[in-house]
N, C-alpha and C. Protein backbone atom coordinates (compact mmCIF):
# COMPACT_ATOMS: atom_id res chain seq x y z
N MET A 1 158.92 67.07 133.66
CA MET A 1 160.36 67.02 133.81
C MET A 1 160.83 68.16 134.70
N ILE A 2 161.84 67.90 135.50
CA ILE A 2 162.39 68.90 136.40
C ILE A 2 163.85 69.17 136.03
N VAL A 3 164.20 70.43 135.91
CA VAL A 3 165.58 70.82 135.60
C VAL A 3 166.27 71.21 136.90
N ILE A 4 167.38 70.54 137.19
CA ILE A 4 168.15 70.78 138.41
C ILE A 4 169.37 71.60 138.05
N VAL A 5 169.53 72.73 138.73
CA VAL A 5 170.62 73.65 138.40
C VAL A 5 171.52 73.83 139.61
N ASP A 6 172.80 73.51 139.45
CA ASP A 6 173.76 73.67 140.54
C ASP A 6 175.17 73.53 139.98
N ASP A 7 176.13 74.13 140.67
CA ASP A 7 177.53 74.01 140.28
C ASP A 7 178.11 72.65 140.63
N ARG A 8 177.53 72.02 141.65
CA ARG A 8 178.10 70.79 142.20
C ARG A 8 177.49 69.55 141.56
N ASP A 9 178.35 68.72 140.99
CA ASP A 9 177.87 67.48 140.37
C ASP A 9 177.19 66.58 141.39
N SER A 10 177.69 66.56 142.61
CA SER A 10 177.11 65.69 143.63
C SER A 10 175.66 66.05 143.92
N VAL A 11 175.36 67.34 143.92
CA VAL A 11 173.98 67.79 144.17
C VAL A 11 173.09 67.41 143.00
N LYS A 12 173.56 67.68 141.79
CA LYS A 12 172.75 67.36 140.61
C LYS A 12 172.51 65.86 140.49
N GLU A 13 173.56 65.09 140.68
CA GLU A 13 173.43 63.63 140.56
C GLU A 13 172.55 63.06 141.66
N GLY A 14 172.67 63.62 142.87
CA GLY A 14 171.86 63.13 143.98
C GLY A 14 170.38 63.37 143.76
N PHE A 15 170.01 64.59 143.41
CA PHE A 15 168.60 64.89 143.18
C PHE A 15 168.07 64.15 141.96
N SER A 16 168.87 64.03 140.91
CA SER A 16 168.44 63.30 139.72
C SER A 16 168.09 61.86 140.07
N ALA A 17 168.94 61.23 140.88
CA ALA A 17 168.70 59.84 141.28
C ALA A 17 167.44 59.72 142.13
N TRP A 18 167.24 60.66 143.05
CA TRP A 18 166.06 60.62 143.92
C TRP A 18 164.77 60.83 143.13
N PHE A 19 164.77 61.80 142.21
CA PHE A 19 163.59 62.03 141.39
C PHE A 19 163.32 60.83 140.48
N ASN A 20 164.39 60.24 139.95
CA ASN A 20 164.24 59.08 139.07
C ASN A 20 163.55 57.92 139.78
N ARG A 21 163.85 57.75 141.07
CA ARG A 21 163.19 56.69 141.83
C ARG A 21 161.69 56.94 141.98
N GLU A 22 161.28 58.19 141.83
CA GLU A 22 159.86 58.53 141.88
C GLU A 22 159.23 58.55 140.49
N GLY A 23 160.02 58.19 139.47
CA GLY A 23 159.51 58.16 138.11
C GLY A 23 159.46 59.52 137.44
N VAL A 24 160.19 60.49 137.97
CA VAL A 24 160.18 61.85 137.43
C VAL A 24 161.46 62.09 136.64
N ALA A 25 161.31 62.46 135.38
CA ALA A 25 162.46 62.74 134.52
C ALA A 25 163.13 64.04 134.95
N THR A 26 164.45 64.09 134.81
CA THR A 26 165.20 65.29 135.17
C THR A 26 166.24 65.60 134.11
N ALA A 27 166.70 66.84 134.17
CA ALA A 27 167.87 67.26 133.40
C ALA A 27 168.73 68.07 134.36
N ALA A 28 170.03 67.94 134.27
CA ALA A 28 170.95 68.65 135.16
C ALA A 28 171.78 69.63 134.35
N LEU A 29 171.78 70.89 134.79
CA LEU A 29 172.54 71.93 134.11
C LEU A 29 173.36 72.72 135.12
N SER A 30 174.46 73.26 134.64
CA SER A 30 175.25 74.18 135.47
C SER A 30 174.63 75.57 135.35
N PRO A 31 174.83 76.43 136.35
CA PRO A 31 174.32 77.81 136.25
C PRO A 31 174.84 78.54 135.02
N GLN A 32 176.07 78.24 134.64
CA GLN A 32 176.67 78.91 133.48
C GLN A 32 175.97 78.55 132.17
N ASP A 33 175.40 77.34 132.12
CA ASP A 33 174.74 76.88 130.89
C ASP A 33 173.25 77.22 130.85
N LEU A 34 172.66 77.46 132.03
CA LEU A 34 171.20 77.60 132.09
C LEU A 34 170.69 78.77 131.29
N GLY A 35 171.32 79.93 131.43
CA GLY A 35 170.82 81.13 130.75
C GLY A 35 170.75 80.96 129.25
N ALA A 36 171.84 80.46 128.66
CA ALA A 36 171.87 80.27 127.21
C ALA A 36 170.88 79.20 126.78
N TRP A 37 170.75 78.15 127.60
CA TRP A 37 169.83 77.07 127.24
C TRP A 37 168.38 77.55 127.27
N VAL A 38 167.99 78.25 128.33
CA VAL A 38 166.61 78.75 128.43
C VAL A 38 166.31 79.70 127.28
N GLY A 39 167.29 80.50 126.90
CA GLY A 39 167.06 81.46 125.82
C GLY A 39 166.96 80.82 124.46
N GLY A 40 167.56 79.63 124.28
CA GLY A 40 167.59 79.03 122.95
C GLY A 40 166.76 77.78 122.75
N VAL A 41 166.23 77.18 123.84
CA VAL A 41 165.49 75.94 123.72
C VAL A 41 164.16 76.17 122.98
N ALA A 42 163.76 75.18 122.21
CA ALA A 42 162.52 75.29 121.43
C ALA A 42 161.31 75.33 122.35
N ASP A 43 160.26 76.03 121.91
CA ASP A 43 159.04 76.13 122.71
C ASP A 43 158.45 74.76 123.00
N ALA A 44 158.50 73.86 122.02
CA ALA A 44 157.92 72.52 122.18
C ALA A 44 158.63 71.72 123.27
N ASP A 45 159.90 72.04 123.51
CA ASP A 45 160.65 71.35 124.55
C ASP A 45 160.46 71.99 125.92
N ILE A 46 160.45 73.30 125.98
CA ILE A 46 160.41 73.96 127.28
C ILE A 46 159.05 73.79 127.96
N VAL A 47 157.99 73.56 127.19
CA VAL A 47 156.68 73.36 127.82
C VAL A 47 156.61 72.02 128.55
N ALA A 48 157.56 71.12 128.29
CA ALA A 48 157.57 69.84 128.98
C ALA A 48 158.15 69.96 130.39
N ILE A 49 158.74 71.12 130.70
CA ILE A 49 159.37 71.30 132.00
C ILE A 49 158.34 71.76 133.02
N GLU A 50 158.22 71.01 134.10
CA GLU A 50 157.28 71.36 135.16
C GLU A 50 157.91 72.31 136.17
N ALA A 51 159.21 72.15 136.41
CA ALA A 51 159.83 72.97 137.45
C ALA A 51 161.33 73.07 137.24
N PHE A 52 161.89 74.15 137.77
CA PHE A 52 163.33 74.33 137.87
C PHE A 52 163.69 74.33 139.35
N LEU A 53 164.68 73.54 139.71
CA LEU A 53 165.15 73.46 141.09
C LEU A 53 166.53 74.10 141.14
N LEU A 54 166.61 75.26 141.79
CA LEU A 54 167.85 76.04 141.80
C LEU A 54 168.63 75.77 143.07
N GLY A 55 169.86 75.32 142.92
CA GLY A 55 170.73 75.12 144.06
C GLY A 55 171.37 76.43 144.50
N GLU A 56 172.52 76.34 145.14
CA GLU A 56 173.21 77.52 145.68
C GLU A 56 174.35 77.95 144.77
N TRP A 57 174.29 79.22 144.33
CA TRP A 57 175.45 79.86 143.70
C TRP A 57 175.25 81.37 143.83
N SER A 58 176.28 82.12 143.57
CA SER A 58 176.31 83.53 143.97
C SER A 58 175.28 84.41 143.28
N ASP A 59 175.04 84.22 141.98
CA ASP A 59 174.16 85.14 141.24
C ASP A 59 172.89 84.48 140.75
N ARG A 60 172.34 83.53 141.52
CA ARG A 60 171.16 82.82 141.05
C ARG A 60 169.92 83.70 140.99
N ARG A 61 169.93 84.87 141.62
CA ARG A 61 168.77 85.76 141.60
C ARG A 61 168.51 86.34 140.21
N ASN A 62 169.46 86.19 139.30
CA ASN A 62 169.30 86.76 137.96
C ASN A 62 168.50 85.86 137.03
N LEU A 63 168.29 84.59 137.42
CA LEU A 63 167.71 83.63 136.47
C LEU A 63 166.20 83.41 136.56
N PRO A 64 165.56 83.54 137.73
CA PRO A 64 164.11 83.27 137.78
C PRO A 64 163.29 84.06 136.77
N LYS A 65 163.56 85.35 136.62
CA LYS A 65 162.79 86.16 135.68
C LYS A 65 163.06 85.74 134.23
N LEU A 66 164.31 85.34 133.95
CA LEU A 66 164.63 84.83 132.62
C LEU A 66 163.81 83.59 132.31
N ILE A 67 163.70 82.70 133.29
CA ILE A 67 162.91 81.48 133.12
C ILE A 67 161.44 81.83 132.91
N LYS A 68 160.92 82.73 133.73
CA LYS A 68 159.51 83.10 133.67
C LYS A 68 159.15 83.78 132.35
N ASN A 69 160.11 84.39 131.72
CA ASN A 69 159.87 85.03 130.43
C ASN A 69 159.67 84.02 129.31
N ARG A 70 160.14 82.78 129.53
CA ARG A 70 160.03 81.74 128.52
C ARG A 70 158.92 80.74 128.78
N CYS A 71 158.58 80.49 130.06
CA CYS A 71 157.62 79.43 130.35
C CYS A 71 156.97 79.67 131.70
N SER A 72 155.98 78.84 132.00
CA SER A 72 155.25 78.97 133.26
C SER A 72 155.69 77.94 134.29
N ALA A 73 156.86 77.33 134.08
CA ALA A 73 157.34 76.31 135.01
C ALA A 73 157.55 76.89 136.40
N VAL A 74 157.33 76.06 137.40
CA VAL A 74 157.56 76.46 138.78
C VAL A 74 159.06 76.59 139.02
N VAL A 75 159.45 77.62 139.77
CA VAL A 75 160.86 77.81 140.12
C VAL A 75 160.99 77.72 141.64
N ILE A 76 161.75 76.74 142.09
CA ILE A 76 161.98 76.53 143.53
C ILE A 76 163.47 76.67 143.81
N ALA A 77 163.78 77.46 144.83
CA ALA A 77 165.18 77.65 145.23
C ALA A 77 165.46 76.86 146.50
N LEU A 78 166.58 76.18 146.51
CA LEU A 78 167.04 75.49 147.71
C LEU A 78 167.87 76.45 148.54
N ASN A 79 167.61 76.51 149.83
CA ASN A 79 168.33 77.42 150.71
C ASN A 79 169.02 76.62 151.80
N GLU A 80 170.32 76.78 151.92
CA GLU A 80 171.09 76.00 152.87
C GLU A 80 171.40 76.74 154.16
N ASN A 81 170.87 77.96 154.30
CA ASN A 81 171.10 78.71 155.53
C ASN A 81 169.79 79.27 156.06
N LYS A 82 169.83 79.86 157.22
CA LYS A 82 168.62 80.35 157.88
C LYS A 82 168.41 81.85 157.70
N SER A 83 169.10 82.44 156.75
CA SER A 83 169.05 83.89 156.59
C SER A 83 167.69 84.34 156.05
N LEU A 84 166.97 85.13 156.84
CA LEU A 84 165.69 85.68 156.39
C LEU A 84 165.91 86.62 155.21
N GLU A 85 166.97 87.40 155.26
CA GLU A 85 167.26 88.34 154.18
C GLU A 85 167.47 87.60 152.85
N ASP A 86 168.19 86.50 152.90
CA ASP A 86 168.44 85.72 151.70
C ASP A 86 167.13 85.14 151.16
N THR A 87 166.29 84.64 152.05
CA THR A 87 165.00 84.09 151.63
C THR A 87 164.13 85.15 150.98
N LEU A 88 164.06 86.33 151.59
CA LEU A 88 163.25 87.41 151.03
C LEU A 88 163.80 87.87 149.68
N ASP A 89 165.12 87.90 149.55
CA ASP A 89 165.74 88.29 148.27
C ASP A 89 165.38 87.28 147.17
N LEU A 90 165.33 86.01 147.52
CA LEU A 90 164.98 84.98 146.54
C LEU A 90 163.55 85.15 146.06
N PHE A 91 162.63 85.39 146.98
CA PHE A 91 161.25 85.62 146.58
C PHE A 91 161.13 86.87 145.71
N ALA A 92 161.88 87.90 146.06
CA ALA A 92 161.85 89.14 145.27
C ALA A 92 162.40 88.92 143.87
N SER A 93 163.28 87.94 143.71
CA SER A 93 163.88 87.67 142.40
C SER A 93 162.91 86.95 141.46
N GLY A 94 161.81 86.41 142.03
CA GLY A 94 160.82 85.77 141.17
C GLY A 94 160.61 84.29 141.39
N VAL A 95 161.30 83.69 142.39
CA VAL A 95 161.07 82.26 142.63
C VAL A 95 159.68 82.05 143.23
N ASP A 96 159.13 80.87 143.03
CA ASP A 96 157.80 80.55 143.55
C ASP A 96 157.84 80.02 144.98
N ASP A 97 158.96 79.44 145.36
CA ASP A 97 159.07 78.89 146.70
C ASP A 97 160.55 78.76 147.07
N VAL A 98 160.81 78.80 148.37
CA VAL A 98 162.15 78.59 148.89
C VAL A 98 162.08 77.43 149.87
N VAL A 99 162.93 76.43 149.67
CA VAL A 99 162.89 75.21 150.48
C VAL A 99 164.22 75.03 151.20
N ARG A 100 164.13 74.78 152.49
CA ARG A 100 165.33 74.54 153.29
C ARG A 100 165.82 73.11 153.10
N LYS A 101 167.12 72.94 152.97
CA LYS A 101 167.74 71.62 152.93
C LYS A 101 168.06 71.18 154.35
N PRO A 102 168.01 69.87 154.62
CA PRO A 102 167.66 68.77 153.70
C PRO A 102 166.15 68.70 153.47
N VAL A 103 165.76 68.22 152.29
CA VAL A 103 164.35 68.10 151.95
C VAL A 103 164.16 66.85 151.11
N HIS A 104 163.06 66.15 151.33
CA HIS A 104 162.76 64.94 150.56
C HIS A 104 162.14 65.35 149.23
N VAL A 105 162.43 64.59 148.18
CA VAL A 105 161.90 64.93 146.85
C VAL A 105 160.37 64.85 146.83
N LYS A 106 159.78 64.03 147.67
CA LYS A 106 158.31 63.97 147.71
C LYS A 106 157.72 65.29 148.19
N GLU A 107 158.42 65.95 149.11
CA GLU A 107 157.95 67.27 149.55
C GLU A 107 158.07 68.28 148.41
N ILE A 108 159.16 68.19 147.66
CA ILE A 108 159.33 69.11 146.52
C ILE A 108 158.22 68.89 145.50
N LEU A 109 157.90 67.63 145.21
CA LEU A 109 156.83 67.33 144.25
C LEU A 109 155.49 67.86 144.76
N ALA A 110 155.24 67.71 146.06
CA ALA A 110 153.98 68.21 146.64
C ALA A 110 153.92 69.73 146.55
N ARG A 111 155.04 70.40 146.77
CA ARG A 111 155.07 71.86 146.66
C ARG A 111 154.84 72.32 145.21
N ILE A 112 155.45 71.62 144.27
CA ILE A 112 155.23 71.95 142.86
C ILE A 112 153.76 71.82 142.50
N ASN A 113 153.15 70.72 142.95
CA ASN A 113 151.74 70.50 142.67
C ASN A 113 150.86 71.58 143.28
N ALA A 114 151.16 71.98 144.51
CA ALA A 114 150.38 73.01 145.18
C ALA A 114 150.48 74.35 144.45
N ILE A 115 151.69 74.70 143.99
CA ILE A 115 151.89 75.95 143.26
C ILE A 115 151.15 75.91 141.93
N GLN A 116 151.18 74.77 141.25
CA GLN A 116 150.47 74.63 139.98
C GLN A 116 148.97 74.79 140.17
N ARG A 117 148.43 74.21 141.25
CA ARG A 117 146.99 74.33 141.52
C ARG A 117 146.60 75.78 141.77
N ARG A 118 147.41 76.47 142.57
CA ARG A 118 147.11 77.87 142.87
C ARG A 118 147.17 78.72 141.62
N GLY A 119 148.08 78.35 140.70
CA GLY A 119 148.22 79.13 139.47
C GLY A 119 147.26 78.73 138.38
N GLY A 120 146.44 77.72 138.64
CA GLY A 120 145.47 77.28 137.63
C GLY A 120 146.06 76.40 136.58
N ALA A 121 147.30 75.92 136.78
CA ALA A 121 147.93 75.06 135.78
C ALA A 121 147.28 73.69 135.75
N GLN A 122 146.64 73.32 136.87
CA GLN A 122 145.95 72.04 136.92
C GLN A 122 144.48 72.28 137.17
N ASP A 123 143.64 71.61 136.41
CA ASP A 123 142.21 71.81 136.50
C ASP A 123 141.55 70.76 137.37
N THR A 124 142.34 69.99 138.07
CA THR A 124 141.78 68.89 138.84
C THR A 124 142.38 68.84 140.22
N ASN A 125 141.60 68.36 141.17
CA ASN A 125 142.12 68.17 142.52
C ASN A 125 142.67 66.77 142.72
N GLY A 126 142.79 66.02 141.61
CA GLY A 126 143.34 64.68 141.69
C GLY A 126 142.30 63.59 141.81
N GLU A 127 141.03 63.93 141.67
CA GLU A 127 139.97 62.94 141.78
C GLU A 127 139.13 62.90 140.51
N SER A 128 138.77 61.70 140.12
CA SER A 128 137.90 61.50 138.97
C SER A 128 137.08 60.25 139.22
N GLY A 129 135.84 60.42 139.62
CA GLY A 129 135.00 59.28 139.95
C GLY A 129 135.58 58.51 141.12
N ASP A 130 135.81 57.22 140.92
CA ASP A 130 136.37 56.37 141.97
C ASP A 130 137.88 56.46 142.07
N LEU A 131 138.49 57.22 141.18
CA LEU A 131 139.95 57.30 141.10
C LEU A 131 140.47 58.55 141.80
N ARG A 132 141.44 58.35 142.66
CA ARG A 132 142.10 59.47 143.33
C ARG A 132 143.60 59.38 143.09
N VAL A 133 144.17 60.45 142.56
CA VAL A 133 145.60 60.46 142.21
C VAL A 133 146.32 61.50 143.06
N PHE A 134 147.46 61.11 143.58
CA PHE A 134 148.31 62.01 144.35
C PHE A 134 149.47 62.46 143.47
N PHE A 135 150.11 63.53 143.84
CA PHE A 135 151.21 64.05 143.03
C PHE A 135 152.49 64.16 143.86
N ASP A 136 152.62 63.30 144.85
CA ASP A 136 153.77 63.36 145.74
C ASP A 136 154.51 62.02 145.82
N GLY A 137 154.31 61.17 144.81
CA GLY A 137 155.01 59.89 144.79
C GLY A 137 154.20 58.72 145.31
N ARG A 138 153.03 58.99 145.90
CA ARG A 138 152.19 57.90 146.38
C ARG A 138 151.42 57.26 145.24
N ASP A 139 151.10 55.97 145.40
CA ASP A 139 150.28 55.29 144.41
C ASP A 139 148.84 55.79 144.49
N PRO A 140 148.10 55.72 143.38
CA PRO A 140 146.71 56.18 143.38
C PRO A 140 145.80 55.24 144.17
N GLU A 141 144.59 55.71 144.40
CA GLU A 141 143.59 54.89 145.07
C GLU A 141 142.37 54.74 144.15
N VAL A 142 141.80 53.55 144.16
CA VAL A 142 140.55 53.29 143.46
C VAL A 142 139.55 52.77 144.48
N LYS A 143 138.44 53.49 144.62
CA LYS A 143 137.41 53.14 145.60
C LYS A 143 138.01 53.03 147.01
N GLY A 144 138.97 53.89 147.29
CA GLY A 144 139.57 53.94 148.61
C GLY A 144 140.69 52.96 148.85
N GLU A 145 140.99 52.11 147.88
CA GLU A 145 142.05 51.12 148.04
C GLU A 145 143.24 51.47 147.14
N VAL A 146 144.43 51.28 147.66
CA VAL A 146 145.64 51.62 146.92
C VAL A 146 145.79 50.72 145.69
N LEU A 147 146.13 51.34 144.57
CA LEU A 147 146.42 50.61 143.34
C LEU A 147 147.92 50.74 143.07
N PRO A 148 148.72 49.73 143.41
CA PRO A 148 150.17 49.80 143.17
C PRO A 148 150.47 49.88 141.67
N LEU A 149 151.34 50.82 141.31
CA LEU A 149 151.70 51.00 139.91
C LEU A 149 153.22 51.12 139.77
N PRO A 150 153.77 50.58 138.68
CA PRO A 150 155.18 50.88 138.37
C PRO A 150 155.33 52.39 138.21
N ARG A 151 156.51 52.89 138.52
CA ARG A 151 156.68 54.34 138.59
C ARG A 151 156.37 55.06 137.28
N ARG A 152 156.71 54.43 136.13
CA ARG A 152 156.44 55.10 134.85
C ARG A 152 154.94 55.20 134.60
N GLU A 153 154.22 54.15 134.92
CA GLU A 153 152.77 54.17 134.73
C GLU A 153 152.13 55.18 135.68
N ARG A 154 152.63 55.22 136.92
CA ARG A 154 152.10 56.20 137.87
C ARG A 154 152.34 57.62 137.38
N ARG A 155 153.51 57.86 136.81
CA ARG A 155 153.85 59.19 136.32
C ARG A 155 152.94 59.58 135.15
N ILE A 156 152.68 58.63 134.26
CA ILE A 156 151.78 58.90 133.14
C ILE A 156 150.38 59.22 133.65
N LEU A 157 149.92 58.44 134.62
CA LEU A 157 148.58 58.70 135.19
C LEU A 157 148.53 60.08 135.82
N GLU A 158 149.55 60.47 136.54
CA GLU A 158 149.58 61.79 137.16
C GLU A 158 149.54 62.89 136.10
N TYR A 159 150.27 62.68 135.03
CA TYR A 159 150.30 63.70 133.97
C TYR A 159 148.93 63.82 133.29
N LEU A 160 148.31 62.68 133.02
CA LEU A 160 146.99 62.70 132.40
C LEU A 160 145.98 63.36 133.33
N MET A 161 146.07 63.05 134.63
CA MET A 161 145.12 63.62 135.57
C MET A 161 145.33 65.12 135.72
N SER A 162 146.58 65.56 135.67
CA SER A 162 146.85 67.00 135.80
C SER A 162 146.36 67.78 134.58
N HIS A 163 146.08 67.06 133.49
CA HIS A 163 145.53 67.68 132.29
C HIS A 163 144.15 67.10 131.98
N GLN A 164 143.43 66.75 133.02
CA GLN A 164 142.13 66.08 132.85
C GLN A 164 141.20 66.85 131.92
N GLY A 165 140.62 66.13 130.98
CA GLY A 165 139.70 66.74 130.02
C GLY A 165 140.39 67.29 128.79
N LYS A 166 141.74 67.33 128.82
CA LYS A 166 142.49 67.85 127.69
C LYS A 166 143.25 66.72 127.00
N ARG A 167 143.41 66.84 125.71
CA ARG A 167 144.13 65.84 124.93
C ARG A 167 145.64 66.09 125.04
N VAL A 168 146.41 65.06 125.37
CA VAL A 168 147.88 65.19 125.40
C VAL A 168 148.47 64.18 124.43
N THR A 169 149.55 64.56 123.80
CA THR A 169 150.17 63.72 122.78
C THR A 169 151.14 62.72 123.38
N LYS A 170 151.51 61.75 122.57
CA LYS A 170 152.51 60.77 122.98
C LYS A 170 153.83 61.45 123.30
N THR A 171 154.17 62.47 122.52
CA THR A 171 155.41 63.19 122.76
C THR A 171 155.40 63.90 124.10
N GLN A 172 154.28 64.51 124.45
CA GLN A 172 154.16 65.18 125.74
C GLN A 172 154.36 64.19 126.88
N LEU A 173 153.73 63.02 126.76
CA LEU A 173 153.87 62.01 127.79
C LEU A 173 155.30 61.51 127.88
N PHE A 174 155.92 61.30 126.74
CA PHE A 174 157.31 60.83 126.72
C PHE A 174 158.22 61.84 127.41
N ASN A 175 158.05 63.11 127.09
CA ASN A 175 158.89 64.15 127.69
C ASN A 175 158.68 64.24 129.19
N ALA A 176 157.43 64.03 129.63
CA ALA A 176 157.14 64.10 131.06
C ALA A 176 157.76 62.94 131.82
N VAL A 177 157.81 61.77 131.19
CA VAL A 177 158.28 60.56 131.86
C VAL A 177 159.78 60.36 131.69
N TYR A 178 160.30 60.62 130.49
CA TYR A 178 161.70 60.33 130.21
C TYR A 178 162.57 61.58 130.04
N GLY A 179 161.94 62.72 129.85
CA GLY A 179 162.72 63.94 129.68
C GLY A 179 163.03 64.23 128.22
N ILE A 180 163.42 65.47 127.97
CA ILE A 180 163.63 65.90 126.59
C ILE A 180 165.04 65.62 126.09
N PHE A 181 165.92 65.11 126.98
CA PHE A 181 167.30 64.86 126.58
C PHE A 181 167.60 63.39 126.35
N ASP A 182 166.62 62.53 126.58
CA ASP A 182 166.87 61.10 126.47
C ASP A 182 166.66 60.65 125.03
N GLU A 183 167.76 60.46 124.32
CA GLU A 183 167.70 60.08 122.90
C GLU A 183 167.87 58.58 122.69
N HIS A 184 168.02 57.83 123.78
CA HIS A 184 168.32 56.41 123.67
C HIS A 184 167.08 55.53 123.85
N ILE A 185 165.93 56.14 124.10
CA ILE A 185 164.70 55.39 124.30
C ILE A 185 163.70 55.80 123.24
N ASP A 186 163.08 54.83 122.61
CA ASP A 186 162.09 55.09 121.56
C ASP A 186 160.82 55.66 122.17
N GLU A 187 160.31 56.69 121.56
CA GLU A 187 159.09 57.35 122.04
C GLU A 187 157.91 56.40 122.11
N ASN A 188 157.94 55.35 121.28
CA ASN A 188 156.82 54.40 121.24
C ASN A 188 156.68 53.58 122.52
N VAL A 189 157.68 53.66 123.42
CA VAL A 189 157.57 52.94 124.68
C VAL A 189 156.37 53.44 125.49
N VAL A 190 155.94 54.67 125.23
CA VAL A 190 154.77 55.23 125.92
C VAL A 190 153.54 54.39 125.65
N GLU A 191 153.41 53.88 124.43
CA GLU A 191 152.23 53.08 124.09
C GLU A 191 152.15 51.82 124.94
N SER A 192 153.31 51.22 125.23
CA SER A 192 153.34 50.02 126.06
C SER A 192 152.92 50.36 127.49
N HIS A 193 153.45 51.46 128.02
CA HIS A 193 153.07 51.89 129.37
C HIS A 193 151.57 52.18 129.46
N ILE A 194 151.06 52.87 128.46
CA ILE A 194 149.63 53.22 128.45
C ILE A 194 148.77 51.97 128.40
N SER A 195 149.15 51.01 127.58
CA SER A 195 148.38 49.77 127.45
C SER A 195 148.29 49.04 128.79
N LYS A 196 149.41 48.93 129.49
CA LYS A 196 149.43 48.24 130.78
C LYS A 196 148.64 49.02 131.83
N LEU A 197 148.78 50.35 131.81
CA LEU A 197 148.05 51.19 132.76
C LEU A 197 146.54 51.07 132.56
N ARG A 198 146.11 51.09 131.32
CA ARG A 198 144.67 50.99 131.04
C ARG A 198 144.11 49.65 131.50
N LYS A 199 144.90 48.60 131.32
CA LYS A 199 144.46 47.27 131.75
C LYS A 199 144.28 47.23 133.27
N ARG A 200 145.23 47.80 134.00
CA ARG A 200 145.14 47.81 135.47
C ARG A 200 143.93 48.63 135.93
N LEU A 201 143.73 49.77 135.30
CA LEU A 201 142.60 50.62 135.69
C LEU A 201 141.27 49.96 135.36
N ARG A 202 141.22 49.32 134.20
CA ARG A 202 139.99 48.64 133.78
C ARG A 202 139.62 47.51 134.74
N GLN A 203 140.64 46.76 135.17
CA GLN A 203 140.39 45.65 136.08
C GLN A 203 139.87 46.14 137.43
N ARG A 204 140.39 47.26 137.91
CA ARG A 204 140.01 47.75 139.22
C ARG A 204 138.73 48.62 139.17
N MET A 205 138.57 49.41 138.11
CA MET A 205 137.45 50.35 138.05
C MET A 205 136.23 49.79 137.33
N GLY A 206 136.46 48.78 136.49
CA GLY A 206 135.36 48.24 135.72
C GLY A 206 135.16 48.92 134.39
N HIS A 207 135.96 49.95 134.11
CA HIS A 207 135.91 50.62 132.81
C HIS A 207 137.25 51.29 132.56
N ASP A 208 137.47 51.73 131.34
CA ASP A 208 138.72 52.37 130.95
C ASP A 208 138.52 53.89 130.98
N PRO A 209 139.17 54.61 131.90
CA PRO A 209 138.98 56.06 131.99
C PRO A 209 139.85 56.87 131.03
N ILE A 210 140.67 56.18 130.23
CA ILE A 210 141.57 56.88 129.31
C ILE A 210 141.07 56.74 127.88
N ASP A 211 140.75 57.85 127.28
CA ASP A 211 140.31 57.87 125.88
C ASP A 211 141.52 58.13 124.99
N SER A 212 141.64 57.36 123.91
CA SER A 212 142.76 57.56 122.99
C SER A 212 142.25 57.68 121.57
N GLN A 213 142.88 58.56 120.81
CA GLN A 213 142.58 58.71 119.40
C GLN A 213 143.89 58.78 118.63
N ARG A 214 143.95 57.99 117.61
CA ARG A 214 145.17 57.93 116.82
C ARG A 214 145.54 59.30 116.28
N TYR A 215 146.82 59.63 116.38
CA TYR A 215 147.40 60.90 115.95
C TYR A 215 147.07 62.07 116.85
N LEU A 216 146.03 61.94 117.69
CA LEU A 216 145.63 63.07 118.54
C LEU A 216 146.12 62.92 119.97
N GLY A 217 146.25 61.66 120.43
CA GLY A 217 146.78 61.47 121.76
C GLY A 217 145.76 60.89 122.75
N TYR A 218 145.96 61.19 124.02
CA TYR A 218 145.20 60.58 125.09
C TYR A 218 144.51 61.64 125.94
N ARG A 219 143.40 61.24 126.57
CA ARG A 219 142.67 62.17 127.43
C ARG A 219 142.05 61.40 128.58
N MET A 220 142.21 61.92 129.79
CA MET A 220 141.61 61.33 130.97
C MET A 220 140.15 61.78 131.06
N CYS A 221 139.25 60.83 131.06
CA CYS A 221 137.82 61.14 131.14
C CYS A 221 137.35 61.00 132.58
N ALA A 222 136.20 61.56 132.88
CA ALA A 222 135.62 61.45 134.23
C ALA A 222 135.16 60.04 134.48
């Protein structure tokens, strides 16, 4: 899940819609609400956040360190001007990357993935046997051929691959796909997505690369 922070509703709504089209859950907060929310959110919820996307406001340099004190999520700042001084100040404040607008959400996702790899948050380069998974909105490949997937299934596959070899729970998958604020969708919908995804992978790969154990969750195998 990605948290979008900005004073302007148009910015938050725009990025939320673009990320949603890529199957990435988002939450939109104002700068005034972010500090209190980061300080009070439960640990089980904040670990579901992959990145914070900070828009433009006057005192945004005060928040990256606050975020980093609570979680290891990537912090990316959007910069609407060409000021080198402003860019250097943002990096000094603790952000992981500064991105010039306009920018496509696929580039943002690719940057998040690259930062996670460098930080050791992901133990995989996106490949497992005949399966190759991208983290920038593209469909995966099996034996060199594209495997078209609905966005939710693709997002689940990306999450499992980014935690390859580790067991992840249904709740973790739900939070990654739908976000921690969506109370109108039953968590059990993940089971339906997983079932369809496993069938597609089995048909193309000849075996099921996803191991599941009741109450324990799912794990991507080699």
